[in-house]
C-alpha cells in the first residue's frame, strides 16, 4: 500500500515519454505500457519530483479545484496501479538523504 509519507521514484527499467501534456510509461522488462492523460501526467510529474508524496498531494490541491478526499483517492489509486505494474516504486522518504560524514 502506498503512503503519503513515502517518496516515489522511477525504476531504471521504465521509459517515460511526455507529449502534449500526456504521457506513456513503458516497463522495458515486461513490455507493459500505461498511458496517462493530462491530469495523470501532472500527478506523475509532481510525485516523481517531490521529496514525498504528501508534498506532491499538497501541490496538486493548490493546482486543481477538487475535493481533498477525491484527489487523495484518485492519486492513491493511480500510484497503486503504477506500482503494481512495475512502473513506479515507492521508498521511504528518508532513503538516500542521510548526510555524509
PDB file of N, CA and C in Angstrom:
ATOM      1  N   UNK A   1       0.840  -1.183   0.000  1.00  0.00           N
ATOM      2  CA  UNK A   1       0.000   0.000   0.000  1.00  0.00           C
ATOM      3  C   UNK A   1       0.888   1.250   0.000  1.00  0.00           C
ATOM      4  N   UNK A   2       0.503   2.226  -0.775  1.00  0.00           N
ATOM      5  CA  UNK A   2       1.256   3.471  -0.911  1.00  0.00           C
ATOM      6  C   UNK A   2       0.886   4.415   0.228  1.00  0.00           C
ATOM      7  N   UNK A   3       1.883   5.077   0.781  1.00  0.00           N
ATOM      8  CA  UNK A   3       1.683   6.029   1.874  1.00  0.00           C
ATOM      9  C   UNK A   3       2.130   7.417   1.428  1.00  0.00           C
ATOM     10  N   UNK A   4       1.433   8.446   1.912  1.00  0.00           N
ATOM     11  CA  UNK A   4       1.805   9.825   1.589  1.00  0.00           C
ATOM     12  C   UNK A   4       3.180  10.194   2.139  1.00  0.00           C
ATOM     13  N   UNK A   5       3.649   9.470   3.139  1.00  0.00           N
ATOM     14  CA  UNK A   5       4.952   9.759   3.739  1.00  0.00           C
ATOM     15  C   UNK A   5       6.107   9.233   2.900  1.00  0.00           C
ATOM     16  N   UNK A   6       5.816   8.374   1.936  1.00  0.00           N
ATOM     17  CA  UNK A   6       6.860   7.784   1.113  1.00  0.00           C
ATOM     18  C   UNK A   6       7.238   8.700  -0.052  1.00  0.00           C
ATOM     19  N   UNK A   7       8.293   8.309  -0.732  1.00  0.00           N
ATOM     20  CA  UNK A   7       8.771   9.041  -1.909  1.00  0.00           C
ATOM     21  C   UNK A   7       8.605   8.132  -3.118  1.00  0.00           C
ATOM     22  N   UNK A   8       8.211   8.709  -4.241  1.00  0.00           N
ATOM     23  CA  UNK A   8       8.054   7.943  -5.476  1.00  0.00           C
ATOM     24  C   UNK A   8       9.294   8.100  -6.333  1.00  0.00           C
ATOM     25  N   UNK A   9       9.690   7.005  -6.972  1.00  0.00           N
ATOM     26  CA  UNK A   9      10.859   7.021  -7.842  1.00  0.00           C
ATOM     27  C   UNK A   9      10.555   6.223  -9.100  1.00  0.00           C
ATOM     28  N   UNK A  10      11.184   6.621 -10.184  1.00  0.00           N
ATOM     29  CA  UNK A  10      11.025   5.930 -11.455  1.00  0.00           C
ATOM     30  C   UNK A  10      12.074   4.816 -11.522  1.00  0.00           C
ATOM     31  N   UNK A  11      11.644   3.576 -11.647  1.00  0.00           N
ATOM     32  CA  UNK A  11      12.608   2.484 -11.759  1.00  0.00           C
ATOM     33  C   UNK A  11      13.463   2.642 -13.027  1.00  0.00           C
ATOM     34  N   UNK A  12      14.665   2.101 -13.003  1.00  0.00           N
ATOM     35  CA  UNK A  12      15.581   2.210 -14.141  1.00  0.00           C
ATOM     36  C   UNK A  12      15.034   1.542 -15.398  1.00  0.00           C
ATOM     37  N   UNK A  13      14.159   0.561 -15.229  1.00  0.00           N
ATOM     38  CA  UNK A  13      13.618  -0.171 -16.380  1.00  0.00           C
ATOM     39  C   UNK A  13      12.349   0.464 -16.956  1.00  0.00           C
ATOM     40  N   UNK A  14      12.050   1.697 -16.567  1.00  0.00           N
ATOM     41  CA  UNK A  14      10.852   2.371 -17.063  1.00  0.00           C
ATOM     42  C   UNK A  14      11.252   3.551 -17.948  1.00  0.00           C
ATOM     43  N   UNK A  15      10.655   3.578 -19.124  1.00  0.00           N
ATOM     44  CA  UNK A  15      10.872   4.653 -20.090  1.00  0.00           C
ATOM     45  C   UNK A  15       9.635   5.543 -20.065  1.00  0.00           C
ATOM     46  N   UNK A  16       9.838   6.850 -19.972  1.00  0.00           N
ATOM     47  CA  UNK A  16       8.733   7.802 -19.902  1.00  0.00           C
ATOM     48  C   UNK A  16       8.849   8.778 -21.063  1.00  0.00           C
ATOM     49  N   UNK A  17       7.759   8.987 -21.768  1.00  0.00           N
ATOM     50  CA  UNK A  17       7.714   9.970 -22.847  1.00  0.00           C
ATOM     51  C   UNK A  17       6.488  10.848 -22.647  1.00  0.00           C
ATOM     52  N   UNK A  18       6.720  12.160 -22.617  1.00  0.00           N
ATOM     53  CA  UNK A  18       5.634  13.130 -22.460  1.00  0.00           C
ATOM     54  C   UNK A  18       5.480  13.885 -23.761  1.00  0.00           C
ATOM     55  N   UNK A  19       4.243  13.977 -24.236  1.00  0.00           N
ATOM     56  CA  UNK A  19       3.941  14.668 -25.473  1.00  0.00           C
ATOM     57  C   UNK A  19       2.609  15.391 -25.309  1.00  0.00           C
ATOM     58  N   UNK A  20       2.633  16.698 -25.516  1.00  0.00           N
ATOM     59  CA  UNK A  20       1.408  17.497 -25.413  1.00  0.00           C
ATOM     60  C   UNK A  20       0.665  17.268 -24.097  1.00  0.00           C
ATOM     61  N   UNK A  21       1.381  17.266 -23.000  1.00  0.00           N
ATOM     62  CA  UNK A  21       0.841  17.147 -21.645  1.00  0.00           C
ATOM     63  C   UNK A  21       0.207  15.792 -21.329  1.00  0.00           C
ATOM     64  N   UNK A  22       0.415  14.808 -22.178  1.00  0.00           N
ATOM     65  CA  UNK A  22       0.033  13.434 -21.897  1.00  0.00           C
ATOM     66  C   UNK A  22       1.313  12.614 -21.914  1.00  0.00           C
ATOM     67  N   UNK A  23       1.261  11.417 -21.374  1.00  0.00           N
ATOM     68  CA  UNK A  23       2.484  10.629 -21.319  1.00  0.00           C
ATOM     69  C   UNK A  23       2.216   9.140 -21.493  1.00  0.00           C
ATOM     70  N   UNK A  24       3.285   8.450 -21.832  1.00  0.00           N
ATOM     71  CA  UNK A  24       3.275   6.993 -21.927  1.00  0.00           C
ATOM     72  C   UNK A  24       4.435   6.488 -21.074  1.00  0.00           C
ATOM     73  N   UNK A  25       4.153   5.508 -20.236  1.00  0.00           N
ATOM     74  CA  UNK A  25       5.150   4.864 -19.392  1.00  0.00           C
ATOM     75  C   UNK A  25       5.307   3.441 -19.905  1.00  0.00           C
ATOM     76  N   UNK A  26       6.532   3.022 -20.152  1.00  0.00           N
ATOM     77  CA  UNK A  26       6.793   1.689 -20.670  1.00  0.00           C
ATOM     78  C   UNK A  26       7.737   0.949 -19.738  1.00  0.00           C
ATOM     79  N   UNK A  27       7.301  -0.213 -19.278  1.00  0.00           N
ATOM     80  CA  UNK A  27       8.145  -1.096 -18.484  1.00  0.00           C
ATOM     81  C   UNK A  27       8.936  -1.945 -19.473  1.00  0.00           C
ATOM     82  N   UNK A  28      10.234  -1.683 -19.591  1.00  0.00           N
ATOM     83  CA  UNK A  28      11.067  -2.380 -20.565  1.00  0.00           C
ATOM     84  C   UNK A  28      11.242  -3.862 -20.241  1.00  0.00           C
ATOM     85  N   UNK A  29      11.085  -4.229 -18.970  1.00  0.00           N
ATOM     86  CA  UNK A  29      11.211  -5.631 -18.573  1.00  0.00           C
ATOM     87  C   UNK A  29      10.005  -6.464 -18.995  1.00  0.00           C
ATOM     88  N   UNK A  30       8.814  -5.920 -18.831  1.00  0.00           N
ATOM     89  CA  UNK A  30       7.595  -6.671 -19.117  1.00  0.00           C
ATOM     90  C   UNK A  30       6.919  -6.250 -20.417  1.00  0.00           C
ATOM     91  N   UNK A  31       7.364  -5.138 -20.988  1.00  0.00           N
ATOM     92  CA  UNK A  31       6.791  -4.543 -22.188  1.00  0.00           C
ATOM     93  C   UNK A  31       5.360  -4.056 -21.975  1.00  0.00           C
ATOM     94  N   UNK A  32       4.962  -3.892 -20.720  1.00  0.00           N
ATOM     95  CA  UNK A  32       3.662  -3.309 -20.423  1.00  0.00           C
ATOM     96  C   UNK A  32       3.792  -1.795 -20.496  1.00  0.00           C
ATOM     97  N   UNK A  33       2.756  -1.153 -21.002  1.00  0.00           N
ATOM     98  CA  UNK A  33       2.773   0.295 -21.037  1.00  0.00           C
ATOM     99  C   UNK A  33       1.484   0.837 -20.447  1.00  0.00           C
ATOM    100  N   UNK A  34       1.542   2.097 -20.087  1.00  0.00           N
ATOM    101  CA  UNK A  34       0.444   2.761 -19.407  1.00  0.00           C
ATOM    102  C   UNK A  34       0.360   4.172 -19.953  1.00  0.00           C
ATOM    103  N   UNK A  35      -0.784   4.585 -20.434  1.00  0.00           N
ATOM    104  CA  UNK A  35      -0.975   5.943 -20.927  1.00  0.00           C
ATOM    105  C   UNK A  35      -1.615   6.805 -19.853  1.00  0.00           C
ATOM    106  N   UNK A  36      -1.120   8.026 -19.708  1.00  0.00           N
ATOM    107  CA  UNK A  36      -1.667   8.962 -18.735  1.00  0.00           C
ATOM    108  C   UNK A  36      -2.213  10.190 -19.450  1.00  0.00           C
ATOM    109  N   UNK A  37      -3.397  10.625 -19.049  1.00  0.00           N
ATOM    110  CA  UNK A  37      -3.954  11.859 -19.595  1.00  0.00           C
ATOM    111  C   UNK A  37      -3.252  13.055 -18.957  1.00  0.00           C
ATOM    112  N   UNK A  38      -3.718  14.246 -19.241  1.00  0.00           N
ATOM    113  CA  UNK A  38      -3.065  15.457 -18.732  1.00  0.00           C
ATOM    114  C   UNK A  38      -2.997  15.489 -17.210  1.00  0.00           C
ATOM    115  N   UNK A  39      -4.074  15.131 -16.546  1.00  0.00           N
ATOM    116  CA  UNK A  39      -4.097  15.140 -15.082  1.00  0.00           C
ATOM    117  C   UNK A  39      -3.177  14.065 -14.515  1.00  0.00           C
ATOM    118  N   UNK A  40      -3.239  12.868 -15.062  1.00  0.00           N
ATOM    119  CA  UNK A  40      -2.365  11.793 -14.605  1.00  0.00           C
ATOM    120  C   UNK A  40      -0.897  12.120 -14.825  1.00  0.00           C
ATOM    121  N   UNK A  41      -0.603  12.774 -15.936  1.00  0.00           N
ATOM    122  CA  UNK A  41       0.767  13.181 -16.219  1.00  0.00           C
ATOM    123  C   UNK A  41       1.245  14.200 -15.197  1.00  0.00           C
ATOM    124  N   UNK A  42       0.388  15.145 -14.845  1.00  0.00           N
ATOM    125  CA  UNK A  42       0.781  16.139 -13.835  1.00  0.00           C
ATOM    126  C   UNK A  42       1.017  15.468 -12.489  1.00  0.00           C
ATOM    127  N   UNK A  43       0.163  14.515 -12.133  1.00  0.00           N
ATOM    128  CA  UNK A  43       0.367  13.764 -10.895  1.00  0.00           C
ATOM    129  C   UNK A  43       1.720  13.066 -10.930  1.00  0.00           C
ATOM    130  N   UNK A  44       2.028  12.396 -12.049  1.00  0.00           N
ATOM    131  CA  UNK A  44       3.293  11.689 -12.219  1.00  0.00           C
ATOM    132  C   UNK A  44       4.460  12.647 -12.050  1.00  0.00           C
ATOM    133  N   UNK A  45       4.395  13.796 -12.721  1.00  0.00           N
ATOM    134  CA  UNK A  45       5.490  14.764 -12.659  1.00  0.00           C
ATOM    135  C   UNK A  45       5.747  15.208 -11.220  1.00  0.00           C
ATOM    136  N   UNK A  46       4.686  15.514 -10.494  1.00  0.00           N
ATOM    137  CA  UNK A  46       4.856  16.013  -9.133  1.00  0.00           C
ATOM    138  C   UNK A  46       5.326  14.929  -8.168  1.00  0.00           C
ATOM    139  N   UNK A  47       4.750  13.734  -8.244  1.00  0.00           N
ATOM    140  CA  UNK A  47       5.165  12.701  -7.275  1.00  0.00           C
ATOM    141  C   UNK A  47       6.590  12.239  -7.510  1.00  0.00           C
ATOM    142  N   UNK A  48       7.064  12.268  -8.747  1.00  0.00           N
ATOM    143  CA  UNK A  48       8.426  11.816  -9.010  1.00  0.00           C
ATOM    144  C   UNK A  48       9.460  12.916  -8.777  1.00  0.00           C
ATOM    145  N   UNK A  49       9.003  14.155  -8.613  1.00  0.00           N
ATOM    146  CA  UNK A  49       9.931  15.269  -8.384  1.00  0.00           C
ATOM    147  C   UNK A  49       9.904  15.785  -6.946  1.00  0.00           C
ATOM    148  N   UNK A  50       8.937  15.353  -6.161  1.00  0.00           N
ATOM    149  CA  UNK A  50       8.762  15.870  -4.796  1.00  0.00           C
ATOM    150  C   UNK A  50       9.522  15.034  -3.780  1.00  0.00           C
ATOM    151  N   UNK A  51       9.842  15.620  -2.631  1.00  0.00           N
ATOM    152  CA  UNK A  51      10.556  14.875  -1.598  1.00  0.00           C
ATOM    153  C   UNK A  51       9.722  13.743  -0.991  1.00  0.00           C
ATOM    154  N   UNK A  52       8.400  13.860  -1.091  1.00  0.00           N
ATOM    155  CA  UNK A  52       7.498  12.788  -0.660  1.00  0.00           C
ATOM    156  C   UNK A  52       6.144  12.975  -1.343  1.00  0.00           C
ATOM    157  N   UNK A  53       5.311  11.969  -1.261  1.00  0.00           N
ATOM    158  CA  UNK A  53       4.022  12.008  -1.945  1.00  0.00           C
ATOM    159  C   UNK A  53       3.109  13.061  -1.317  1.00  0.00           C
ATOM    160  N   UNK A  54       3.230  13.291  -0.024  1.00  0.00           N
ATOM    161  CA  UNK A  54       2.434  14.331   0.648  1.00  0.00           C
ATOM    162  C   UNK A  54       2.683  15.700   0.025  1.00  0.00           C
ATOM    163  N   UNK A  55       3.939  16.034  -0.257  1.00  0.00           N
ATOM    164  CA  UNK A  55       4.265  17.331  -0.869  1.00  0.00           C
ATOM    165  C   UNK A  55       3.623  17.444  -2.252  1.00  0.00           C
ATOM    166  N   UNK A  56       3.652  16.363  -3.004  1.00  0.00           N
ATOM    167  CA  UNK A  56       3.020  16.360  -4.324  1.00  0.00           C
ATOM    168  C   UNK A  56       1.509  16.532  -4.184  1.00  0.00           C
ATOM    169  N   UNK A  57       0.920  15.845  -3.229  1.00  0.00           N
ATOM    170  CA  UNK A  57      -0.517  15.958  -2.970  1.00  0.00           C
ATOM    171  C   UNK A  57      -0.899  17.401  -2.645  1.00  0.00           C
ATOM    172  N   UNK A  58      -0.125  18.059  -1.800  1.00  0.00           N
ATOM    173  CA  UNK A  58      -0.416  19.449  -1.432  1.00  0.00           C
ATOM    174  C   UNK A  58      -0.315  20.370  -2.651  1.00  0.00           C
ATOM    175  N   UNK A  59       0.666  20.139  -3.499  1.00  0.00           N
ATOM    176  CA  UNK A  59       0.817  20.932  -4.723  1.00  0.00           C
ATOM    177  C   UNK A  59      -0.368  20.708  -5.659  1.00  0.00           C
ATOM    178  N   UNK A  60      -0.803  19.463  -5.774  1.00  0.00           N
ATOM    179  CA  UNK A  60      -1.968  19.154  -6.602  1.00  0.00           C
ATOM    180  C   UNK A  60      -3.228  19.833  -6.071  1.00  0.00           C
ATOM    181  N   UNK A  61      -3.382  19.855  -4.744  1.00  0.00           N
ATOM    182  CA  UNK A  61      -4.526  20.549  -4.145  1.00  0.00           C
ATOM    183  C   UNK A  61      -4.531  22.028  -4.514  1.00  0.00           C
ATOM    184  N   UNK A  62      -3.360  22.633  -4.557  1.00  0.00           N
ATOM    185  CA  UNK A  62      -3.253  24.049  -4.903  1.00  0.00           C
ATOM    186  C   UNK A  62      -3.535  24.288  -6.390  1.00  0.00           C
ATOM    187  N   UNK A  63      -3.219  23.315  -7.226  1.00  0.00           N
ATOM    188  CA  UNK A  63      -3.379  23.483  -8.681  1.00  0.00           C
ATOM    189  C   UNK A  63      -4.769  23.154  -9.196  1.00  0.00           C
ATOM    190  N   UNK A  64      -5.432  22.191  -8.574  1.00  0.00           N
ATOM    191  CA  UNK A  64      -6.705  21.704  -9.092  1.00  0.00           C
ATOM    192  C   UNK A  64      -7.856  22.055  -8.159  1.00  0.00           C
ATOM    193  N   UNK A  65      -8.998  22.355  -8.744  1.00  0.00           N
ATOM    194  CA  UNK A  65     -10.217  22.628  -7.994  1.00  0.00           C
ATOM    195  C   UNK A  65     -10.929  21.292  -7.778  1.00  0.00           C
ATOM    196  N   UNK A  66     -10.575  20.630  -6.670  1.00  0.00           N
ATOM    197  CA  UNK A  66     -11.089  19.295  -6.397  1.00  0.00           C
ATOM    198  C   UNK A  66     -11.205  19.114  -4.887  1.00  0.00           C
ATOM    199  N   UNK A  67     -12.128  18.268  -4.487  1.00  0.00           N
ATOM    200  CA  UNK A  67     -12.267  17.947  -3.071  1.00  0.00           C
ATOM    201  C   UNK A  67     -11.029  17.172  -2.619  1.00  0.00           C
ATOM    202  N   UNK A  68     -10.479  17.511  -1.464  1.00  0.00           N
ATOM    203  CA  UNK A  68      -9.248  16.846  -0.997  1.00  0.00           C
ATOM    204  C   UNK A  68      -9.349  15.323  -0.957  1.00  0.00           C
ATOM    205  N   UNK A  69     -10.453  14.787  -0.471  1.00  0.00           N
ATOM    206  CA  UNK A  69     -10.582  13.325  -0.371  1.00  0.00           C
ATOM    207  C   UNK A  69     -10.659  12.668  -1.743  1.00  0.00           C
ATOM    208  N   UNK A  70     -11.314  13.334  -2.705  1.00  0.00           N
ATOM    209  CA  UNK A  70     -11.383  12.782  -4.050  1.00  0.00           C
ATOM    210  C   UNK A  70      -9.987  12.766  -4.683  1.00  0.00           C
ATOM    211  N   UNK A  71      -9.236  13.844  -4.498  1.00  0.00           N
ATOM    212  CA  UNK A  71      -7.876  13.899  -5.022  1.00  0.00           C
ATOM    213  C   UNK A  71      -7.008  12.821  -4.387  1.00  0.00           C
ATOM    214  N   UNK A  72      -7.082  12.700  -3.074  1.00  0.00           N
ATOM    215  CA  UNK A  72      -6.290  11.689  -2.369  1.00  0.00           C
ATOM    216  C   UNK A  72      -6.631  10.292  -2.898  1.00  0.00           C
ATOM    217  N   UNK A  73      -7.898  10.004  -3.050  1.00  0.00           N
ATOM    218  CA  UNK A  73      -8.336   8.704  -3.533  1.00  0.00           C
ATOM    219  C   UNK A  73      -7.826   8.442  -4.954  1.00  0.00           C
ATOM    220  N   UNK A  74      -7.987   9.428  -5.837  1.00  0.00           N
ATOM    221  CA  UNK A  74      -7.544   9.264  -7.223  1.00  0.00           C
ATOM    222  C   UNK A  74      -6.026   9.127  -7.315  1.00  0.00           C
ATOM    223  N   UNK A  75      -5.300   9.913  -6.535  1.00  0.00           N
ATOM    224  CA  UNK A  75      -3.844   9.842  -6.536  1.00  0.00           C
ATOM    225  C   UNK A  75      -3.372   8.481  -6.032  1.00  0.00           C
ATOM    226  N   UNK A  76      -3.933   8.007  -4.942  1.00  0.00           N
ATOM    227  CA  UNK A  76      -3.538   6.715  -4.387  1.00  0.00           C
ATOM    228  C   UNK A  76      -3.882   5.576  -5.342  1.00  0.00           C
ATOM    229  N   UNK A  77      -5.023   5.661  -5.989  1.00  0.00           N
ATOM    230  CA  UNK A  77      -5.407   4.626  -6.956  1.00  0.00           C
ATOM    231  C   UNK A  77      -4.416   4.588  -8.122  1.00  0.00           C
ATOM    232  N   UNK A  78      -4.062   5.753  -8.649  1.00  0.00           N
ATOM    233  CA  UNK A  78      -3.101   5.811  -9.751  1.00  0.00           C
ATOM    234  C   UNK A  78      -1.744   5.256  -9.321  1.00  0.00           C
ATOM    235  N   UNK A  79      -1.248   5.715  -8.184  1.00  0.00           N
ATOM    236  CA  UNK A  79       0.065   5.268  -7.726  1.00  0.00           C
ATOM    237  C   UNK A  79       0.089   3.769  -7.457  1.00  0.00           C
ATOM    238  N   UNK A  80      -0.966   3.246  -6.869  1.00  0.00           N
ATOM    239  CA  UNK A  80      -1.050   1.810  -6.600  1.00  0.00           C
ATOM    240  C   UNK A  80      -1.019   1.010  -7.897  1.00  0.00           C
ATOM    241  N   UNK A  81      -1.759   1.456  -8.901  1.00  0.00           N
ATOM    242  CA  UNK A  81      -1.765   0.764 -10.190  1.00  0.00           C
ATOM    243  C   UNK A  81      -0.387   0.808 -10.846  1.00  0.00           C
ATOM    244  N   UNK A  82       0.281   1.959 -10.754  1.00  0.00           N
ATOM    245  CA  UNK A  82       1.616   2.080 -11.343  1.00  0.00           C
ATOM    246  C   UNK A  82       2.617   1.174 -10.626  1.00  0.00           C
ATOM    247  N   UNK A  83       2.554   1.143  -9.301  1.00  0.00           N
ATOM    248  CA  UNK A  83       3.444   0.267  -8.526  1.00  0.00           C
ATOM    249  C   UNK A  83       3.164  -1.193  -8.871  1.00  0.00           C
ATOM    250  N   UNK A  84       1.887  -1.563  -8.912  1.00  0.00           N
ATOM    251  CA  UNK A  84       1.515  -2.946  -9.209  1.00  0.00           C
ATOM    252  C   UNK A  84       2.010  -3.402 -10.585  1.00  0.00           C
ATOM    253  N   UNK A  85       2.143  -2.463 -11.520  1.00  0.00           N
ATOM    254  CA  UNK A  85       2.590  -2.789 -12.876  1.00  0.00           C
ATOM    255  C   UNK A  85       4.082  -2.542 -13.086  1.00  0.00           C
ATOM    256  N   UNK A  86       4.812  -2.276 -11.989  1.00  0.00           N
ATOM    257  CA  UNK A  86       6.255  -2.096 -12.072  1.00  0.00           C
ATOM    258  C   UNK A  86       6.684  -0.804 -12.742  1.00  0.00           C
ATOM    259  N   UNK A  87       5.784   0.174 -12.806  1.00  0.00           N
ATOM    260  CA  UNK A  87       6.081   1.433 -13.477  1.00  0.00           C
ATOM    261  C   UNK A  87       6.497   2.540 -12.512  1.00  0.00           C
ATOM    262  N   UNK A  88       6.418   2.262 -11.229  1.00  0.00           N
ATOM    263  CA  UNK A  88       6.782   3.229 -10.201  1.00  0.00           C
ATOM    264  C   UNK A  88       7.184   2.440  -8.968  1.00  0.00           C
ATOM    265  N   UNK A  89       8.096   2.981  -8.198  1.00  0.00           N
ATOM    266  CA  UNK A  89       8.423   2.358  -6.922  1.00  0.00           C
ATOM    267  C   UNK A  89       8.286   3.413  -5.835  1.00  0.00           C
ATOM    268  N   UNK A  90       7.892   2.975  -4.670  1.00  0.00           N
ATOM    269  CA  UNK A  90       7.818   3.876  -3.525  1.00  0.00           C
ATOM    270  C   UNK A  90       8.818   3.404  -2.488  1.00  0.00           C
ATOM    271  N   UNK A  91       9.513   4.368  -1.925  1.00  0.00           N
ATOM    272  CA  UNK A  91      10.551   4.084  -0.945  1.00  0.00           C
ATOM    273  C   UNK A  91      10.382   5.056   0.208  1.00  0.00           C
ATOM    274  N   UNK A  92      10.902   4.728   1.379  1.00  0.00           N
ATOM    275  CA  UNK A  92      10.831   5.680   2.486  1.00  0.00           C
ATOM    276  C   UNK A  92      11.441   7.021   2.054  1.00  0.00           C
ATOM    277  N   UNK A  93      10.822   8.100   2.466  1.00  0.00           N
ATOM    278  CA  UNK A  93      11.247   9.440   2.050  1.00  0.00           C
ATOM    279  C   UNK A  93      12.665   9.767   2.473  1.00  0.00           C
ATOM    280  N   UNK A  94      13.156   9.122   3.538  1.00  0.00           N
ATOM    281  CA  UNK A  94      14.497   9.451   4.025  1.00  0.00           C
ATOM    282  C   UNK A  94      15.605   8.581   3.425  1.00  0.00           C
ATOM    283  N   UNK A  95      15.266   7.637   2.569  1.00  0.00           N
ATOM    284  CA  UNK A  95      16.292   6.805   1.935  1.00  0.00           C
ATOM    285  C   UNK A  95      17.062   7.644   0.930  1.00  0.00           C
ATOM    286  N   UNK A  96      18.374   7.594   1.060  1.00  0.00           N
ATOM    287  CA  UNK A  96      19.223   8.370   0.170  1.00  0.00           C
ATOM    288  C   UNK A  96      19.421   9.795   0.600  1.00  0.00           C
ATOM    289  N   UNK A  97      18.916  10.144   1.787  1.00  0.00           N
ATOM    290  CA  UNK A  97      19.037  11.529   2.253  1.00  0.00           C
ATOM    291  C   UNK A  97      19.872  11.628   3.523  1.00  0.00           C
ATOM    292  N   UNK A  98      20.609  10.560   3.848  1.00  0.00           N
ATOM    293  CA  UNK A  98      21.447  10.578   5.043  1.00  0.00           C
ATOM    294  C   UNK A  98      22.644  11.483   4.783  1.00  0.00           C
ATOM    295  N   UNK A  99      22.917  12.419   5.691  1.00  0.00           N
ATOM    296  CA  UNK A  99      24.052  13.312   5.475  1.00  0.00           C
ATOM    297  C   UNK A  99      25.379  12.558   5.474  1.00  0.00           C
ATOM    298  N   UNK A 100      26.300  13.031   4.657  1.00  0.00           N
ATOM    299  CA  UNK A 100      27.635  12.422   4.598  1.00  0.00           C
ATOM    300  C   UNK A 100      28.409  12.730   5.862  1.00  0.00           C
ATOM    301  N   UNK A 101      29.263  11.816   6.242  1.00  0.00           N
ATOM    302  CA  UNK A 101      30.065  12.006   7.455  1.00  0.00           C
ATOM    303  C   UNK A 101      31.300  12.797   7.122  1.00  0.00           C
TER     304      UNK A 101
END
